[in-house]
Amino acid sequence: FRSTFRDWAAEQTSLPGEVAEAALAHTVP
């Protein structure tokens, strides 16, 4: 479901990708 959230954020919102990554608590590569 975390991948589901990331796909939705990328395709259905205009917020930058790093906002979704922060929501998932992913480390910055």
PDB file of all heavy atoms in Angstrom:
ATOM      1  N   PHE A   1       0.824  -1.212   0.000  1.00  0.00           N
ATOM      2  CA  PHE A   1       0.000   0.000   0.000  1.00  0.00           C
ATOM      3  C   PHE A   1       0.858   1.262   0.000  1.00  0.00           C
ATOM      4  O   PHE A   1       0.399   2.328  -0.427  1.00  0.00           O
ATOM      5  CB  PHE A   1      -0.944   0.001   1.204  1.00  0.00           C
ATOM      6  CG  PHE A   1      -2.070  -0.986   1.074  1.00  0.00           C
ATOM      7  CD1 PHE A   1      -2.142  -2.087   1.908  1.00  0.00           C
ATOM      8  CD2 PHE A   1      -3.051  -0.828   0.101  1.00  0.00           C
ATOM      9  CE1 PHE A   1      -3.172  -3.007   1.785  1.00  0.00           C
ATOM     10  CE2 PHE A   1      -4.080  -1.743  -0.031  1.00  0.00           C
ATOM     11  CZ  PHE A   1      -4.141  -2.845   0.807  1.00  0.00           C
ATOM     12  N   ARG A   2       2.084   1.152   0.470  1.00  0.00           N
ATOM     13  CA  ARG A   2       2.992   2.301   0.396  1.00  0.00           C
ATOM     14  C   ARG A   2       3.353   2.597  -1.060  1.00  0.00           C
ATOM     15  O   ARG A   2       3.480   3.758  -1.456  1.00  0.00           O
ATOM     16  CB  ARG A   2       4.247   2.039   1.237  1.00  0.00           C
ATOM     17  CG  ARG A   2       3.973   2.137   2.733  1.00  0.00           C
ATOM     18  CD  ARG A   2       5.082   1.574   3.599  1.00  0.00           C
ATOM     19  NE  ARG A   2       6.395   2.145   3.353  1.00  0.00           N
ATOM     20  CZ  ARG A   2       6.836   3.279   3.881  1.00  0.00           C
ATOM     21  NH1 ARG A   2       6.032   4.002   4.669  1.00  0.00           N
ATOM     22  NH2 ARG A   2       8.056   3.704   3.637  1.00  0.00           N
ATOM     23  N   SER A   3       3.505   1.544  -1.855  1.00  0.00           N
ATOM     24  CA  SER A   3       3.739   1.738  -3.290  1.00  0.00           C
ATOM     25  C   SER A   3       2.497   2.303  -3.966  1.00  0.00           C
ATOM     26  O   SER A   3       2.591   3.145  -4.874  1.00  0.00           O
ATOM     27  CB  SER A   3       4.129   0.415  -3.951  1.00  0.00           C
ATOM     28  OG  SER A   3       5.357  -0.058  -3.449  1.00  0.00           O
ATOM     29  N   THR A   4       1.321   1.840  -3.512  1.00  0.00           N
ATOM     30  CA  THR A   4       0.066   2.384  -4.037  1.00  0.00           C
ATOM     31  C   THR A   4      -0.005   3.886  -3.776  1.00  0.00           C
ATOM     32  O   THR A   4      -0.355   4.678  -4.661  1.00  0.00           O
ATOM     33  CB  THR A   4      -1.136   1.682  -3.371  1.00  0.00           C
ATOM     34  OG1 THR A   4      -1.071   0.283  -3.636  1.00  0.00           O
ATOM     35  CG2 THR A   4      -2.452   2.222  -3.906  1.00  0.00           C
ATOM     36  N   PHE A   5       0.348   4.285  -2.555  1.00  0.00           N
ATOM     37  CA  PHE A   5       0.370   5.702  -2.202  1.00  0.00           C
ATOM     38  C   PHE A   5       1.355   6.476  -3.082  1.00  0.00           C
ATOM     39  O   PHE A   5       1.036   7.565  -3.586  1.00  0.00           O
ATOM     40  CB  PHE A   5       0.758   5.854  -0.725  1.00  0.00           C
ATOM     41  CG  PHE A   5       1.096   7.262  -0.317  1.00  0.00           C
ATOM     42  CD1 PHE A   5       0.096   8.185  -0.034  1.00  0.00           C
ATOM     43  CD2 PHE A   5       2.425   7.672  -0.218  1.00  0.00           C
ATOM     44  CE1 PHE A   5       0.409   9.481   0.340  1.00  0.00           C
ATOM     45  CE2 PHE A   5       2.753   8.963   0.151  1.00  0.00           C
ATOM     46  CZ  PHE A   5       1.743   9.878   0.433  1.00  0.00           C
ATOM     47  N   ARG A   6       2.537   5.908  -3.305  1.00  0.00           N
ATOM     48  CA  ARG A   6       3.555   6.624  -4.098  1.00  0.00           C
ATOM     49  C   ARG A   6       3.111   6.779  -5.542  1.00  0.00           C
ATOM     50  O   ARG A   6       3.319   7.855  -6.142  1.00  0.00           O
ATOM     51  CB  ARG A   6       4.884   5.856  -4.024  1.00  0.00           C
ATOM     52  CG  ARG A   6       6.063   6.628  -4.627  1.00  0.00           C
ATOM     53  CD  ARG A   6       6.302   7.892  -3.839  1.00  0.00           C
ATOM     54  NE  ARG A   6       7.372   8.697  -4.429  1.00  0.00           N
ATOM     55  CZ  ARG A   6       7.188   9.636  -5.339  1.00  0.00           C
ATOM     56  NH1 ARG A   6       5.976   9.882  -5.825  1.00  0.00           N
ATOM     57  NH2 ARG A   6       8.204  10.341  -5.799  1.00  0.00           N
ATOM     58  N   ASP A   7       2.492   5.743  -6.094  1.00  0.00           N
ATOM     59  CA  ASP A   7       1.993   5.846  -7.472  1.00  0.00           C
ATOM     60  C   ASP A   7       0.898   6.897  -7.571  1.00  0.00           C
ATOM     61  O   ASP A   7       0.867   7.700  -8.519  1.00  0.00           O
ATOM     62  CB  ASP A   7       1.448   4.492  -7.937  1.00  0.00           C
ATOM     63  CG  ASP A   7       2.530   3.440  -8.100  1.00  0.00           C
ATOM     64  OD1 ASP A   7       3.716   3.825  -8.167  1.00  0.00           O
ATOM     65  OD2 ASP A   7       2.202   2.243  -8.146  1.00  0.00           O
ATOM     66  N   TRP A   8      -0.020   6.895  -6.611  1.00  0.00           N
ATOM     67  CA  TRP A   8      -1.101   7.874  -6.606  1.00  0.00           C
ATOM     68  C   TRP A   8      -0.546   9.298  -6.509  1.00  0.00           C
ATOM     69  O   TRP A   8      -0.976  10.201  -7.243  1.00  0.00           O
ATOM     70  CB  TRP A   8      -2.042   7.584  -5.430  1.00  0.00           C
ATOM     71  CG  TRP A   8      -3.016   8.691  -5.167  1.00  0.00           C
ATOM     72  CD1 TRP A   8      -4.227   8.898  -5.766  1.00  0.00           C
ATOM     73  CD2 TRP A   8      -2.843   9.764  -4.231  1.00  0.00           C
ATOM     74  NE1 TRP A   8      -4.823  10.039  -5.265  1.00  0.00           N
ATOM     75  CE2 TRP A   8      -3.990  10.590  -4.316  1.00  0.00           C
ATOM     76  CE3 TRP A   8      -1.836  10.109  -3.331  1.00  0.00           C
ATOM     77  CZ2 TRP A   8      -4.145  11.731  -3.533  1.00  0.00           C
ATOM     78  CZ3 TRP A   8      -1.985  11.246  -2.559  1.00  0.00           C
ATOM     79  CH2 TRP A   8      -3.132  12.047  -2.665  1.00  0.00           C
ATOM     80  N   ALA A   9       0.419   9.510  -5.598  1.00  0.00           N
ATOM     81  CA  ALA A   9       0.985  10.850  -5.416  1.00  0.00           C
ATOM     82  C   ALA A   9       1.666  11.344  -6.686  1.00  0.00           C
ATOM     83  O   ALA A   9       1.570  12.526  -7.044  1.00  0.00           O
ATOM     84  CB  ALA A   9       1.978  10.836  -4.252  1.00  0.00           C
ATOM     85  N   ALA A  10       2.344  10.432  -7.398  1.00  0.00           N
ATOM     86  CA  ALA A  10       3.047  10.823  -8.617  1.00  0.00           C
ATOM     87  C   ALA A  10       2.088  11.165  -9.754  1.00  0.00           C
ATOM     88  O   ALA A  10       2.349  12.086 -10.540  1.00  0.00           O
ATOM     89  CB  ALA A  10       3.986   9.698  -9.051  1.00  0.00           C
ATOM     90  N   GLU A  11       0.967  10.438  -9.839  1.00  0.00           N
ATOM     91  CA  GLU A  11       0.080  10.590 -10.990  1.00  0.00           C
ATOM     92  C   GLU A  11      -1.127  11.473 -10.732  1.00  0.00           C
ATOM     93  O   GLU A  11      -1.744  11.970 -11.685  1.00  0.00           O
ATOM     94  CB  GLU A  11      -0.401   9.204 -11.442  1.00  0.00           C
ATOM     95  CG  GLU A  11       0.737   8.294 -11.903  1.00  0.00           C
ATOM     96  CD  GLU A  11       0.238   6.952 -12.396  1.00  0.00           C
ATOM     97  OE1 GLU A  11      -0.977   6.810 -12.637  1.00  0.00           O
ATOM     98  OE2 GLU A  11       1.067   6.036 -12.522  1.00  0.00           O
ATOM     99  N   GLN A  12      -1.487  11.691  -9.468  1.00  0.00           N
ATOM    100  CA  GLN A  12      -2.727  12.406  -9.178  1.00  0.00           C
ATOM    101  C   GLN A  12      -2.539  13.692  -8.391  1.00  0.00           C
ATOM    102  O   GLN A  12      -3.519  14.360  -8.059  1.00  0.00           O
ATOM    103  CB  GLN A  12      -3.668  11.480  -8.391  1.00  0.00           C
ATOM    104  CG  GLN A  12      -4.090  10.231  -9.137  1.00  0.00           C
ATOM    105  CD  GLN A  12      -4.941  10.542 -10.363  1.00  0.00           C
ATOM    106  OE1 GLN A  12      -5.822  11.408 -10.308  1.00  0.00           O
ATOM    107  NE2 GLN A  12      -4.665   9.875 -11.473  1.00  0.00           N
ATOM    108  N   THR A  13      -1.294  14.062  -8.068  1.00  0.00           N
ATOM    109  CA  THR A  13      -1.060  15.320  -7.360  1.00  0.00           C
ATOM    110  C   THR A  13       0.039  16.093  -8.073  1.00  0.00           C
ATOM    111  O   THR A  13       0.803  15.540  -8.872  1.00  0.00           O
ATOM    112  CB  THR A  13      -0.641  15.091  -5.893  1.00  0.00           C
ATOM    113  OG1 THR A  13       0.727  14.668  -5.846  1.00  0.00           O
ATOM    114  CG2 THR A  13      -1.524  14.061  -5.218  1.00  0.00           C
ATOM    115  N   SER A  14       0.109  17.377  -7.755  1.00  0.00           N
ATOM    116  CA  SER A  14       1.127  18.231  -8.365  1.00  0.00           C
ATOM    117  C   SER A  14       2.254  18.559  -7.396  1.00  0.00           C
ATOM    118  O   SER A  14       3.142  19.341  -7.723  1.00  0.00           O
ATOM    119  CB  SER A  14       0.481  19.538  -8.848  1.00  0.00           C
ATOM    120  OG  SER A  14      -0.149  20.201  -7.759  1.00  0.00           O
ATOM    121  N   LEU A  15       2.223  17.941  -6.202  1.00  0.00           N
ATOM    122  CA  LEU A  15       3.282  18.211  -5.224  1.00  0.00           C
ATOM    123  C   LEU A  15       4.590  17.551  -5.664  1.00  0.00           C
ATOM    124  O   LEU A  15       4.580  16.501  -6.317  1.00  0.00           O
ATOM    125  CB  LEU A  15       2.871  17.678  -3.859  1.00  0.00           C
ATOM    126  CG  LEU A  15       1.774  18.473  -3.133  1.00  0.00           C
ATOM    127  CD1 LEU A  15       1.301  17.728  -1.903  1.00  0.00           C
ATOM    128  CD2 LEU A  15       2.298  19.856  -2.741  1.00  0.00           C
ATOM    129  N   PRO A  16       5.728  18.144  -5.327  1.00  0.00           N
ATOM    130  CA  PRO A  16       7.026  17.558  -5.705  1.00  0.00           C
ATOM    131  C   PRO A  16       7.204  16.152  -5.146  1.00  0.00           C
ATOM    132  O   PRO A  16       6.666  15.817  -4.080  1.00  0.00           O
ATOM    133  CB  PRO A  16       8.044  18.520  -5.078  1.00  0.00           C
ATOM    134  CG  PRO A  16       7.291  19.797  -4.878  1.00  0.00           C
ATOM    135  CD  PRO A  16       5.877  19.408  -4.589  1.00  0.00           C
ATOM    136  N   GLY A  17       7.967  15.338  -5.856  1.00  0.00           N
ATOM    137  CA  GLY A  17       8.187  13.960  -5.446  1.00  0.00           C
ATOM    138  C   GLY A  17       8.824  13.834  -4.084  1.00  0.00           C
ATOM    139  O   GLY A  17       8.532  12.872  -3.338  1.00  0.00           O
ATOM    140  N   GLU A  18       9.673  14.798  -3.696  1.00  0.00           N
ATOM    141  CA  GLU A  18      10.337  14.678  -2.402  1.00  0.00           C
ATOM    142  C   GLU A  18       9.347  14.804  -1.236  1.00  0.00           C
ATOM    143  O   GLU A  18       9.625  14.333  -0.131  1.00  0.00           O
ATOM    144  CB  GLU A  18      11.458  15.710  -2.248  1.00  0.00           C
ATOM    145  CG  GLU A  18      11.050  17.133  -2.490  1.00  0.00           C
ATOM    146  CD  GLU A  18      11.404  17.587  -3.896  1.00  0.00           C
ATOM    147  OE1 GLU A  18      11.310  16.765  -4.820  1.00  0.00           O
ATOM    148  OE2 GLU A  18      11.781  18.767  -4.043  1.00  0.00           O
ATOM    149  N   VAL A  19       8.181  15.426  -1.477  1.00  0.00           N
ATOM    150  CA  VAL A  19       7.170  15.506  -0.428  1.00  0.00           C
ATOM    151  C   VAL A  19       6.597  14.113  -0.157  1.00  0.00           C
ATOM    152  O   VAL A  19       6.441  13.700   0.992  1.00  0.00           O
ATOM    153  CB  VAL A  19       6.050  16.492  -0.813  1.00  0.00           C
ATOM    154  CG1 VAL A  19       4.967  16.510   0.276  1.00  0.00           C
ATOM    155  CG2 VAL A  19       6.616  17.888  -1.017  1.00  0.00           C
ATOM    156  N   ALA A  20       6.297  13.382  -1.215  1.00  0.00           N
ATOM    157  CA  ALA A  20       5.801  12.014  -1.058  1.00  0.00           C
ATOM    158  C   ALA A  20       6.865  11.125  -0.430  1.00  0.00           C
ATOM    159  O   ALA A  20       6.554  10.258   0.405  1.00  0.00           O
ATOM    160  CB  ALA A  20       5.369  11.448  -2.407  1.00  0.00           C
ATOM    161  N   GLU A  21       8.130  11.314  -0.820  1.00  0.00           N
ATOM    162  CA  GLU A  21       9.208  10.524  -0.229  1.00  0.00           C
ATOM    163  C   GLU A  21       9.344  10.805   1.264  1.00  0.00           C
ATOM    164  O   GLU A  21       9.585   9.898   2.068  1.00  0.00           O
ATOM    165  CB  GLU A  21      10.537  10.824  -0.939  1.00  0.00           C
ATOM    166  CG  GLU A  21      10.610  10.316  -2.365  1.00  0.00           C
ATOM    167  CD  GLU A  21      10.523   8.797  -2.423  1.00  0.00           C
ATOM    168  OE1 GLU A  21      11.418   8.139  -1.894  1.00  0.00           O
ATOM    169  OE2 GLU A  21       9.538   8.289  -2.992  1.00  0.00           O
ATOM    170  N   ALA A  22       9.168  12.080   1.644  1.00  0.00           N
ATOM    171  CA  ALA A  22       9.212  12.425   3.063  1.00  0.00           C
ATOM    172  C   ALA A  22       8.036  11.811   3.808  1.00  0.00           C
ATOM    173  O   ALA A  22       8.165  11.380   4.959  1.00  0.00           O
ATOM    174  CB  ALA A  22       9.207  13.942   3.227  1.00  0.00           C
ATOM    175  N   ALA A  23       6.869  11.752   3.158  1.00  0.00           N
ATOM    176  CA  ALA A  23       5.700  11.135   3.784  1.00  0.00           C
ATOM    177  C   ALA A  23       5.938   9.660   4.055  1.00  0.00           C
ATOM    178  O   ALA A  23       5.429   9.101   5.030  1.00  0.00           O
ATOM    179  CB  ALA A  23       4.471  11.321   2.892  1.00  0.00           C
ATOM    180  N   LEU A  24       6.724   9.012   3.200  1.00  0.00           N
ATOM    181  CA  LEU A  24       7.041   7.596   3.363  1.00  0.00           C
ATOM    182  C   LEU A  24       8.253   7.371   4.275  1.00  0.00           C
ATOM    183  O   LEU A  24       8.649   6.225   4.511  1.00  0.00           O
ATOM    184  CB  LEU A  24       7.322   6.961   1.994  1.00  0.00           C
ATOM    185  CG  LEU A  24       6.105   6.861   1.058  1.00  0.00           C
ATOM    186  CD1 LEU A  24       6.560   6.489  -0.349  1.00  0.00           C
ATOM    187  CD2 LEU A  24       5.109   5.843   1.581  1.00  0.00           C
ATOM    188  N   ALA A  25       8.848   8.475   4.760  1.00  0.00           N
ATOM    189  CA  ALA A  25      10.030   8.402   5.632  1.00  0.00           C
ATOM    190  C   ALA A  25      11.189   7.712   4.937  1.00  0.00           C
ATOM    191  O   ALA A  25      11.975   6.994   5.560  1.00  0.00           O
ATOM    192  CB  ALA A  25       9.701   7.704   6.947  1.00  0.00           C
ATOM    193  N   HIS A  26      11.301   7.932   3.621  1.00  0.00           N
ATOM    194  CA  HIS A  26      12.437   7.381   2.888  1.00  0.00           C
ATOM    195  C   HIS A  26      13.653   8.273   3.080  1.00  0.00           C
ATOM    196  O   HIS A  26      13.532   9.494   3.149  1.00  0.00           O
ATOM    197  CB  HIS A  26      12.112   7.290   1.391  1.00  0.00           C
ATOM    198  CG  HIS A  26      11.231   6.129   1.051  1.00  0.00           C
ATOM    199  ND1 HIS A  26      10.580   5.999  -0.148  1.00  0.00           N
ATOM    200  CD2 HIS A  26      10.897   5.031   1.769  1.00  0.00           C
ATOM    201  CE1 HIS A  26       9.875   4.884  -0.172  1.00  0.00           C
ATOM    202  NE2 HIS A  26      10.061   4.279   0.988  1.00  0.00           N
ATOM    203  N   THR A  27      14.818   7.651   3.156  1.00  0.00           N
ATOM    204  CA  THR A  27      16.045   8.423   3.271  1.00  0.00           C
ATOM    205  C   THR A  27      16.390   9.045   1.923  1.00  0.00           C
ATOM    206  O   THR A  27      16.070   8.497   0.868  1.00  0.00           O
ATOM    207  CB  THR A  27      17.213   7.538   3.725  1.00  0.00           C
ATOM    208  OG1 THR A  27      17.327   6.424   2.824  1.00  0.00           O
ATOM    209  CG2 THR A  27      16.974   7.010   5.129  1.00  0.00           C
ATOM    210  N   VAL A  28      17.034  10.194   1.965  1.00  0.00           N
ATOM    211  CA  VAL A  28      17.434  10.867   0.729  1.00  0.00           C
ATOM    212  C   VAL A  28      18.636  10.145   0.155  1.00  0.00           C
ATOM    213  O   VAL A  28      19.647   9.969   0.834  1.00  0.00           O
ATOM    214  CB  VAL A  28      17.779  12.338   1.010  1.00  0.00           C
ATOM    215  CG1 VAL A  28      18.153  13.059  -0.267  1.00  0.00           C
ATOM    216  CG2 VAL A  28      16.601  13.027   1.691  1.00  0.00           C
ATOM    217  N   PRO A  29      18.590   9.700  -1.101  1.00  0.00           N
ATOM    218  CA  PRO A  29      19.671   8.876  -1.639  1.00  0.00           C
ATOM    219  C   PRO A  29      20.974   9.614  -1.877  1.00  0.00           C
ATOM    220  O   PRO A  29      22.034   9.013  -1.838  1.00  0.00           O
ATOM    221  CB  PRO A  29      19.085   8.355  -2.958  1.00  0.00           C
ATOM    222  CG  PRO A  29      18.026   9.342  -3.329  1.00  0.00           C
ATOM    223  CD  PRO A  29      17.467   9.852  -2.041  1.00  0.00           C
TER     224      PRO A  29
END
